[in-house]
Amino acid sequence: LLIDPNTWDPMNEKIASMDPIKWDSEEALSGSDSEEAPIGSDSEEALSGSDSEEAPIGSDSEEALSGSDSEEALSGLYSEETSGKSINLYSASATSYAEADPSQSDPPEETLIEFDDPLYIDRIDSYQKKTGLTEAIQTGIGQLNGIPVAMGVMEFEFMGGSMGSVVGEKITRLIEYATNQSLPLIIVCASGGARMQEGSLSLMQMAKISSALYHFQTNQKLFYVSILTSPTTGG
């Protein structure tokens, strides 16, 4: 499968990924400075309602807590009667540890596991430098034995060929262009699945691509070939 020399015309090469978490944080910061009251501002009324003269629903709970049986009821949440011994659930791990090793009276300190994982935007930069590509797919128009075709080729070396918002957008635009120009479409797939760093944004691309491809194949009756290479997974 070789494109005829000097016929390849890449599409949408300047589209690159951004950090979706950064978008959310900017919106959250800008939203806090707005003059308008945020949605759910009635929470102040709900909080101030505790000072109202009317007793809230379930006010009998105070009487239940003030009763003499409340201490026993609350203590039942923290202790359990087993074989005539009161075992504190919070100290159960310490007790079991001391029984396992009598020489140790205190339980071992918890060990926090730290992951030195680079930021998503930094990983994008590193893969761009490593592969020379802006994203995990190249799309464009070329000729195959003199026949004009629209083609997309995925690159597994770019974050495992994972599909984020940019990959999904480039594939969708390629399909739409092939539909408008009545071109045959070839996509060479080498992917590990949706890009987890973008969360639901990456999952939305599957519906978008499927919709465009359905129109391409079913409504326009155009020719589409999907070439699965190894590795290709559905992760």
C-alpha atoms as a PDB file:
ATOM      1  CA  LEU A   1       0.000   0.000   0.000  1.00  0.00           C
ATOM      2  CA  LEU A   2       1.987   2.951  -1.318  1.00  0.00           C
ATOM      3  CA  ILE A   3       0.757   6.412  -2.236  1.00  0.00           C
ATOM      4  CA  ASP A   4       1.944   7.562  -5.619  1.00  0.00           C
ATOM      5  CA  PRO A   5       4.995   9.858  -5.300  1.00  0.00           C
ATOM      6  CA  ASN A   6       4.332  13.594  -5.064  1.00  0.00           C
ATOM      7  CA  THR A   7       0.573  13.120  -4.682  1.00  0.00           C
ATOM      8  CA  TRP A   8       0.170  13.259  -0.887  1.00  0.00           C
ATOM      9  CA  ASP A   9      -1.567  16.369   0.424  1.00  0.00           C
ATOM     10  CA  PRO A  10      -1.873  16.339   4.242  1.00  0.00           C
ATOM     11  CA  MET A  11      -4.939  17.730   5.998  1.00  0.00           C
ATOM     12  CA  ASN A  12      -5.364  19.471   9.371  1.00  0.00           C
ATOM     13  CA  GLU A  13      -1.732  19.032  10.394  1.00  0.00           C
ATOM     14  CA  LYS A  14      -1.786  22.050  12.702  1.00  0.00           C
ATOM     15  CA  ILE A  15      -4.487  20.670  15.010  1.00  0.00           C
ATOM     16  CA  ALA A  16      -2.936  19.656  18.343  1.00  0.00           C
ATOM     17  CA  SER A  17      -4.253  18.480  21.687  1.00  0.00           C
ATOM     18  CA  MET A  18      -4.676  20.633  24.761  1.00  0.00           C
ATOM     19  CA  ASP A  19      -5.098  19.584  28.346  1.00  0.00           C
ATOM     20  CA  PRO A  20      -8.848  19.208  29.036  1.00  0.00           C
ATOM     21  CA  ILE A  21      -8.197  19.545  32.776  1.00  0.00           C
ATOM     22  CA  LYS A  22      -6.712  22.952  32.087  1.00  0.00           C
ATOM     23  CA  TRP A  23      -9.873  24.004  30.278  1.00  0.00           C
ATOM     24  CA  ASP A  24     -11.996  22.995  33.252  1.00  0.00           C
ATOM     25  CA  SER A  25      -9.774  24.802  35.737  1.00  0.00           C
ATOM     26  CA  GLU A  26      -9.855  28.025  33.699  1.00  0.00           C
ATOM     27  CA  GLU A  27     -13.630  27.898  33.505  1.00  0.00           C
ATOM     28  CA  ALA A  28     -13.860  27.275  37.235  1.00  0.00           C
ATOM     29  CA  LEU A  29     -11.581  30.224  38.003  1.00  0.00           C
ATOM     30  CA  SER A  30     -13.356  32.577  35.620  1.00  0.00           C
ATOM     31  CA  GLY A  31     -16.719  31.481  36.954  1.00  0.00           C
ATOM     32  CA  SER A  32     -15.784  32.362  40.522  1.00  0.00           C
ATOM     33  CA  ASP A  33     -15.133  36.005  39.558  1.00  0.00           C
ATOM     34  CA  SER A  34     -18.443  36.510  37.793  1.00  0.00           C
ATOM     35  CA  GLU A  35     -20.953  38.913  39.258  1.00  0.00           C
ATOM     36  CA  GLU A  36     -23.902  36.676  38.568  1.00  0.00           C
ATOM     37  CA  ALA A  37     -24.918  34.232  41.238  1.00  0.00           C
ATOM     38  CA  PRO A  38     -23.955  30.672  40.334  1.00  0.00           C
ATOM     39  CA  ILE A  39     -26.488  27.976  39.721  1.00  0.00           C
ATOM     40  CA  GLY A  40     -27.574  26.510  43.009  1.00  0.00           C
ATOM     41  CA  SER A  41     -27.294  29.773  44.914  1.00  0.00           C
ATOM     42  CA  ASP A  42     -30.332  28.712  46.861  1.00  0.00           C
ATOM     43  CA  SER A  43     -27.930  26.749  49.024  1.00  0.00           C
ATOM     44  CA  GLU A  44     -27.484  29.883  51.143  1.00  0.00           C
ATOM     45  CA  GLU A  45     -31.175  29.849  51.850  1.00  0.00           C
ATOM     46  CA  ALA A  46     -30.954  26.184  52.682  1.00  0.00           C
ATOM     47  CA  LEU A  47     -28.101  26.886  55.091  1.00  0.00           C
ATOM     48  CA  SER A  48     -29.840  29.871  56.629  1.00  0.00           C
ATOM     49  CA  GLY A  49     -32.988  27.801  56.898  1.00  0.00           C
ATOM     50  CA  SER A  50     -31.510  26.043  59.877  1.00  0.00           C
ATOM     51  CA  ASP A  51     -31.962  29.281  61.828  1.00  0.00           C
ATOM     52  CA  SER A  52     -35.597  29.640  60.816  1.00  0.00           C
ATOM     53  CA  GLU A  53     -38.376  29.429  63.328  1.00  0.00           C
ATOM     54  CA  GLU A  54     -39.939  26.438  61.655  1.00  0.00           C
ATOM     55  CA  ALA A  55     -38.484  23.105  62.648  1.00  0.00           C
ATOM     56  CA  PRO A  56     -36.963  21.188  59.724  1.00  0.00           C
ATOM     57  CA  ILE A  57     -38.279  17.858  58.613  1.00  0.00           C
ATOM     58  CA  GLY A  58     -36.865  15.129  60.796  1.00  0.00           C
ATOM     59  CA  SER A  59     -36.428  17.376  63.821  1.00  0.00           C
ATOM     60  CA  ASP A  60     -37.222  14.403  65.984  1.00  0.00           C
ATOM     61  CA  SER A  61     -33.670  13.277  65.341  1.00  0.00           C
ATOM     62  CA  GLU A  62     -32.485  15.673  68.070  1.00  0.00           C
ATOM     63  CA  GLU A  63     -34.682  13.912  70.591  1.00  0.00           C
ATOM     64  CA  ALA A  64     -33.361  10.579  69.405  1.00  0.00           C
ATOM     65  CA  LEU A  65     -29.764  11.738  69.871  1.00  0.00           C
ATOM     66  CA  SER A  66     -30.472  13.352  73.226  1.00  0.00           C
ATOM     67  CA  GLY A  67     -31.953  10.135  74.592  1.00  0.00           C
ATOM     68  CA  SER A  68     -29.999   7.907  76.933  1.00  0.00           C
ATOM     69  CA  ASP A  69     -30.024   5.175  74.312  1.00  0.00           C
ATOM     70  CA  SER A  70     -28.225   7.394  71.806  1.00  0.00           C
ATOM     71  CA  GLU A  71     -24.814   6.798  73.390  1.00  0.00           C
ATOM     72  CA  GLU A  72     -25.274   3.064  73.090  1.00  0.00           C
ATOM     73  CA  ALA A  73     -26.534   3.452  69.526  1.00  0.00           C
ATOM     74  CA  LEU A  74     -23.544   5.581  68.536  1.00  0.00           C
ATOM     75  CA  SER A  75     -21.088   3.337  70.314  1.00  0.00           C
ATOM     76  CA  GLY A  76     -22.506   0.438  68.348  1.00  0.00           C
ATOM     77  CA  LEU A  77     -21.138   2.092  65.215  1.00  0.00           C
ATOM     78  CA  TYR A  78     -17.607   1.889  66.532  1.00  0.00           C
ATOM     79  CA  SER A  79     -17.613  -1.342  68.475  1.00  0.00           C
ATOM     80  CA  GLU A  80     -18.864  -4.844  68.012  1.00  0.00           C
ATOM     81  CA  GLU A  81     -19.671  -7.423  70.659  1.00  0.00           C
ATOM     82  CA  THR A  82     -17.941 -10.636  69.716  1.00  0.00           C
ATOM     83  CA  SER A  83     -17.522 -13.537  72.152  1.00  0.00           C
ATOM     84  CA  GLY A  84     -18.064 -11.265  75.127  1.00  0.00           C
ATOM     85  CA  LYS A  85     -15.251  -8.884  74.103  1.00  0.00           C
ATOM     86  CA  SER A  86     -15.705  -5.336  72.900  1.00  0.00           C
ATOM     87  CA  ILE A  87     -13.524  -4.939  69.808  1.00  0.00           C
ATOM     88  CA  ASN A  88     -12.935  -1.417  68.556  1.00  0.00           C
ATOM     89  CA  LEU A  89     -13.181  -1.495  64.786  1.00  0.00           C
ATOM     90  CA  TYR A  90     -10.733   1.371  64.423  1.00  0.00           C
ATOM     91  CA  SER A  91      -8.072  -0.490  66.383  1.00  0.00           C
ATOM     92  CA  ALA A  92      -8.863  -3.873  64.868  1.00  0.00           C
ATOM     93  CA  SER A  93      -5.941  -3.628  62.489  1.00  0.00           C
ATOM     94  CA  ALA A  94      -3.596  -2.732  65.337  1.00  0.00           C
ATOM     95  CA  THR A  95      -4.893  -5.586  67.486  1.00  0.00           C
ATOM     96  CA  SER A  96      -4.604  -8.145  64.731  1.00  0.00           C
ATOM     97  CA  TYR A  97      -1.110  -6.908  63.926  1.00  0.00           C
ATOM     98  CA  ALA A  98       0.009  -7.212  67.554  1.00  0.00           C
ATOM     99  CA  GLU A  99      -1.450 -10.698  67.783  1.00  0.00           C
ATOM    100  CA  ALA A 100       0.374 -11.741  64.637  1.00  0.00           C
ATOM    101  CA  ASP A 101       3.689 -10.383  65.940  1.00  0.00           C
ATOM    102  CA  PRO A 102       3.720  -9.939  69.760  1.00  0.00           C
ATOM    103  CA  SER A 103       7.084  -8.152  69.610  1.00  0.00           C
ATOM    104  CA  GLN A 104       5.449  -5.279  67.795  1.00  0.00           C
ATOM    105  CA  SER A 105       3.006  -3.195  69.781  1.00  0.00           C
ATOM    106  CA  ASP A 106       2.347  -0.523  67.159  1.00  0.00           C
ATOM    107  CA  PRO A 107       1.084  -1.126  63.634  1.00  0.00           C
ATOM    108  CA  PRO A 108       3.403  -0.176  60.782  1.00  0.00           C
ATOM    109  CA  GLU A 109       3.032   3.261  59.299  1.00  0.00           C
ATOM    110  CA  GLU A 110       1.146   3.510  56.060  1.00  0.00           C
ATOM    111  CA  THR A 111       3.325   3.833  52.997  1.00  0.00           C
ATOM    112  CA  LEU A 112       2.187   6.348  50.420  1.00  0.00           C
ATOM    113  CA  ILE A 113       2.951   5.371  46.845  1.00  0.00           C
ATOM    114  CA  GLU A 114       3.803   8.375  44.719  1.00  0.00           C
ATOM    115  CA  PHE A 115       3.588   8.267  40.940  1.00  0.00           C
ATOM    116  CA  ASP A 116       5.921  10.516  39.023  1.00  0.00           C
ATOM    117  CA  ASP A 117       3.665  10.755  35.994  1.00  0.00           C
ATOM    118  CA  PRO A 118       4.260  13.751  33.693  1.00  0.00           C
ATOM    119  CA  LEU A 119       1.412  16.074  32.856  1.00  0.00           C
ATOM    120  CA  TYR A 120      -0.690  15.236  29.839  1.00  0.00           C
ATOM    121  CA  ILE A 121       0.384  18.338  27.920  1.00  0.00           C
ATOM    122  CA  ASP A 122       4.048  17.483  28.618  1.00  0.00           C
ATOM    123  CA  ARG A 123       3.537  13.959  27.303  1.00  0.00           C
ATOM    124  CA  ILE A 124       2.020  15.379  24.131  1.00  0.00           C
ATOM    125  CA  ASP A 125       5.088  17.578  23.651  1.00  0.00           C
ATOM    126  CA  SER A 126       7.471  14.679  24.189  1.00  0.00           C
ATOM    127  CA  TYR A 127       5.675  12.444  21.668  1.00  0.00           C
ATOM    128  CA  GLN A 128       5.588  15.255  19.139  1.00  0.00           C
ATOM    129  CA  LYS A 129       9.356  15.581  19.411  1.00  0.00           C
ATOM    130  CA  LYS A 130       9.834  11.805  19.327  1.00  0.00           C
ATOM    131  CA  THR A 131       7.679  11.081  16.264  1.00  0.00           C
ATOM    132  CA  GLY A 132       7.740  14.398  14.425  1.00  0.00           C
ATOM    133  CA  LEU A 133       3.935  14.294  14.266  1.00  0.00           C
ATOM    134  CA  THR A 134       1.387  16.591  15.859  1.00  0.00           C
ATOM    135  CA  GLU A 135      -0.994  13.741  16.736  1.00  0.00           C
ATOM    136  CA  ALA A 136      -1.515   9.982  16.546  1.00  0.00           C
ATOM    137  CA  ILE A 137      -2.940  10.052  13.007  1.00  0.00           C
ATOM    138  CA  GLN A 138      -2.005  11.520   9.645  1.00  0.00           C
ATOM    139  CA  THR A 139      -4.823  12.343   7.269  1.00  0.00           C
ATOM    140  CA  GLY A 140      -4.735  13.577   3.716  1.00  0.00           C
ATOM    141  CA  ILE A 141      -5.528  13.139   0.065  1.00  0.00           C
ATOM    142  CA  GLY A 142      -3.375  11.201  -2.361  1.00  0.00           C
ATOM    143  CA  GLN A 143      -3.430   8.890  -5.323  1.00  0.00           C
ATOM    144  CA  LEU A 144      -3.215   5.113  -5.280  1.00  0.00           C
ATOM    145  CA  ASN A 145      -2.249   3.800  -8.716  1.00  0.00           C
ATOM    146  CA  GLY A 146      -3.591   7.021 -10.166  1.00  0.00           C
ATOM    147  CA  ILE A 147      -6.888   6.839  -8.266  1.00  0.00           C
ATOM    148  CA  PRO A 148      -7.598   9.763  -5.893  1.00  0.00           C
ATOM    149  CA  VAL A 149      -8.250   8.502  -2.340  1.00  0.00           C
ATOM    150  CA  ALA A 150      -8.759   9.970   1.118  1.00  0.00           C
ATOM    151  CA  MET A 151      -6.534   8.242   3.625  1.00  0.00           C
ATOM    152  CA  GLY A 152      -5.821   8.238   7.332  1.00  0.00           C
ATOM    153  CA  VAL A 153      -2.850   6.417   8.854  1.00  0.00           C
ATOM    154  CA  MET A 154      -2.515   5.999  12.617  1.00  0.00           C
ATOM    155  CA  GLU A 155       0.822   5.971  14.412  1.00  0.00           C
ATOM    156  CA  PHE A 156       1.111   3.603  17.369  1.00  0.00           C
ATOM    157  CA  GLU A 157       4.347   5.229  18.535  1.00  0.00           C
ATOM    158  CA  PHE A 158       2.352   8.350  19.423  1.00  0.00           C
ATOM    159  CA  MET A 159       0.838   7.468  22.829  1.00  0.00           C
ATOM    160  CA  GLY A 160      -0.088   3.998  21.613  1.00  0.00           C
ATOM    161  CA  GLY A 161      -2.170   5.409  18.778  1.00  0.00           C
ATOM    162  CA  SER A 162      -4.815   6.376  21.330  1.00  0.00           C
ATOM    163  CA  MET A 163      -7.785   8.384  20.116  1.00  0.00           C
ATOM    164  CA  GLY A 164      -8.321  11.737  21.752  1.00  0.00           C
ATOM    165  CA  SER A 165     -10.401  14.693  20.650  1.00  0.00           C
ATOM    166  CA  VAL A 166      -7.916  15.739  17.954  1.00  0.00           C
ATOM    167  CA  VAL A 167      -7.644  12.242  16.449  1.00  0.00           C
ATOM    168  CA  GLY A 168     -11.424  11.948  16.378  1.00  0.00           C
ATOM    169  CA  GLU A 169     -11.805  15.388  14.801  1.00  0.00           C
ATOM    170  CA  LYS A 170      -9.218  14.674  12.107  1.00  0.00           C
ATOM    171  CA  ILE A 171     -10.864  11.369  11.188  1.00  0.00           C
ATOM    172  CA  THR A 172     -14.308  13.003  11.094  1.00  0.00           C
ATOM    173  CA  ARG A 173     -13.101  15.825   8.866  1.00  0.00           C
ATOM    174  CA  LEU A 174     -11.429  13.308   6.562  1.00  0.00           C
ATOM    175  CA  ILE A 175     -14.667  11.318   6.248  1.00  0.00           C
ATOM    176  CA  GLU A 176     -16.705  14.460   5.593  1.00  0.00           C
ATOM    177  CA  TYR A 177     -14.259  15.638   2.951  1.00  0.00           C
ATOM    178  CA  ALA A 178     -14.345  12.228   1.246  1.00  0.00           C
ATOM    179  CA  THR A 179     -18.147  12.361   1.357  1.00  0.00           C
ATOM    180  CA  ASN A 180     -18.319  15.792  -0.266  1.00  0.00           C
ATOM    181  CA  GLN A 181     -15.766  14.883  -2.932  1.00  0.00           C
ATOM    182  CA  SER A 182     -17.088  11.322  -3.455  1.00  0.00           C
ATOM    183  CA  LEU A 183     -13.663   9.826  -2.797  1.00  0.00           C
ATOM    184  CA  PRO A 184     -12.905   6.292  -1.651  1.00  0.00           C
ATOM    185  CA  LEU A 185     -11.752   6.208   1.957  1.00  0.00           C
ATOM    186  CA  ILE A 186      -8.953   4.123   3.468  1.00  0.00           C
ATOM    187  CA  ILE A 187      -8.047   4.191   7.174  1.00  0.00           C
ATOM    188  CA  VAL A 188      -5.046   2.258   8.463  1.00  0.00           C
ATOM    189  CA  CYS A 189      -5.701   1.576  12.132  1.00  0.00           C
ATOM    190  CA  ALA A 190      -3.057   0.962  14.783  1.00  0.00           C
ATOM    191  CA  SER A 191      -4.493   2.008  18.111  1.00  0.00           C
ATOM    192  CA  GLY A 192      -4.774   1.129  21.763  1.00  0.00           C
ATOM    193  CA  GLY A 193      -8.263   2.612  22.008  1.00  0.00           C
ATOM    194  CA  ALA A 194      -9.622   5.778  23.587  1.00  0.00           C
ATOM    195  CA  ARG A 195      -7.163   8.154  25.252  1.00  0.00           C
ATOM    196  CA  MET A 196      -7.865   7.952  28.971  1.00  0.00           C
ATOM    197  CA  GLN A 197      -6.240  11.321  29.720  1.00  0.00           C
ATOM    198  CA  GLU A 198      -9.139  13.075  28.003  1.00  0.00           C
ATOM    199  CA  GLY A 199     -11.859  11.072  29.728  1.00  0.00           C
ATOM    200  CA  SER A 200     -15.335  11.444  28.237  1.00  0.00           C
ATOM    201  CA  LEU A 201     -14.030  13.742  25.496  1.00  0.00           C
ATOM    202  CA  SER A 202     -12.255  10.791  23.904  1.00  0.00           C
ATOM    203  CA  LEU A 203     -15.309   8.543  24.243  1.00  0.00           C
ATOM    204  CA  MET A 204     -17.454  11.115  22.431  1.00  0.00           C
ATOM    205  CA  GLN A 205     -15.272  10.741  19.319  1.00  0.00           C
ATOM    206  CA  MET A 206     -16.556   7.228  18.652  1.00  0.00           C
ATOM    207  CA  ALA A 207     -20.133   8.441  18.239  1.00  0.00           C
ATOM    208  CA  LYS A 208     -19.012  11.359  16.062  1.00  0.00           C
ATOM    209  CA  ILE A 209     -16.924   9.164  13.748  1.00  0.00           C
ATOM    210  CA  SER A 210     -19.613   6.478  13.537  1.00  0.00           C
ATOM    211  CA  SER A 211     -22.220   9.053  12.544  1.00  0.00           C
ATOM    212  CA  ALA A 212     -20.040  10.516   9.776  1.00  0.00           C
ATOM    213  CA  LEU A 213     -19.062   7.056   8.548  1.00  0.00           C
ATOM    214  CA  TYR A 214     -22.682   5.891   8.514  1.00  0.00           C
ATOM    215  CA  HIS A 215     -23.594   8.778   6.240  1.00  0.00           C
ATOM    216  CA  PHE A 216     -20.556   8.018   4.042  1.00  0.00           C
ATOM    217  CA  GLN A 217     -21.367   4.337   3.583  1.00  0.00           C
ATOM    218  CA  THR A 218     -25.144   4.023   3.931  1.00  0.00           C
ATOM    219  CA  ASN A 219     -26.464   7.258   2.486  1.00  0.00           C
ATOM    220  CA  GLN A 220     -23.809   8.060  -0.118  1.00  0.00           C
ATOM    221  CA  LYS A 221     -22.922   4.425  -0.904  1.00  0.00           C
ATOM    222  CA  LEU A 222     -19.205   5.249  -1.074  1.00  0.00           C
ATOM    223  CA  PHE A 223     -16.272   2.864  -0.819  1.00  0.00           C
ATOM    224  CA  TYR A 224     -14.583   2.452   2.581  1.00  0.00           C
ATOM    225  CA  VAL A 225     -11.733   0.141   3.586  1.00  0.00           C
ATOM    226  CA  SER A 226     -10.497  -0.265   7.153  1.00  0.00           C
ATOM    227  CA  ILE A 227      -7.081  -1.900   7.458  1.00  0.00           C
ATOM    228  CA  LEU A 228      -6.368  -3.281  10.931  1.00  0.00           C
ATOM    229  CA  THR A 229      -2.697  -3.582  11.752  1.00  0.00           C
ATOM    230  CA  SER A 230      -0.991  -5.043  14.785  1.00  0.00           C
ATOM    231  CA  PRO A 231      -1.387  -3.839  17.446  1.00  0.00           C
ATOM    232  CA  THR A 232      -5.005  -2.758  17.267  1.00  0.00           C
ATOM    233  CA  THR A 233      -7.104  -3.144  20.418  1.00  0.00           C
ATOM    234  CA  GLY A 234     -10.454  -1.928  21.662  1.00  0.00           C
ATOM    235  CA  GLY A 235      -9.269  -0.521  24.987  1.00  0.00           C
END
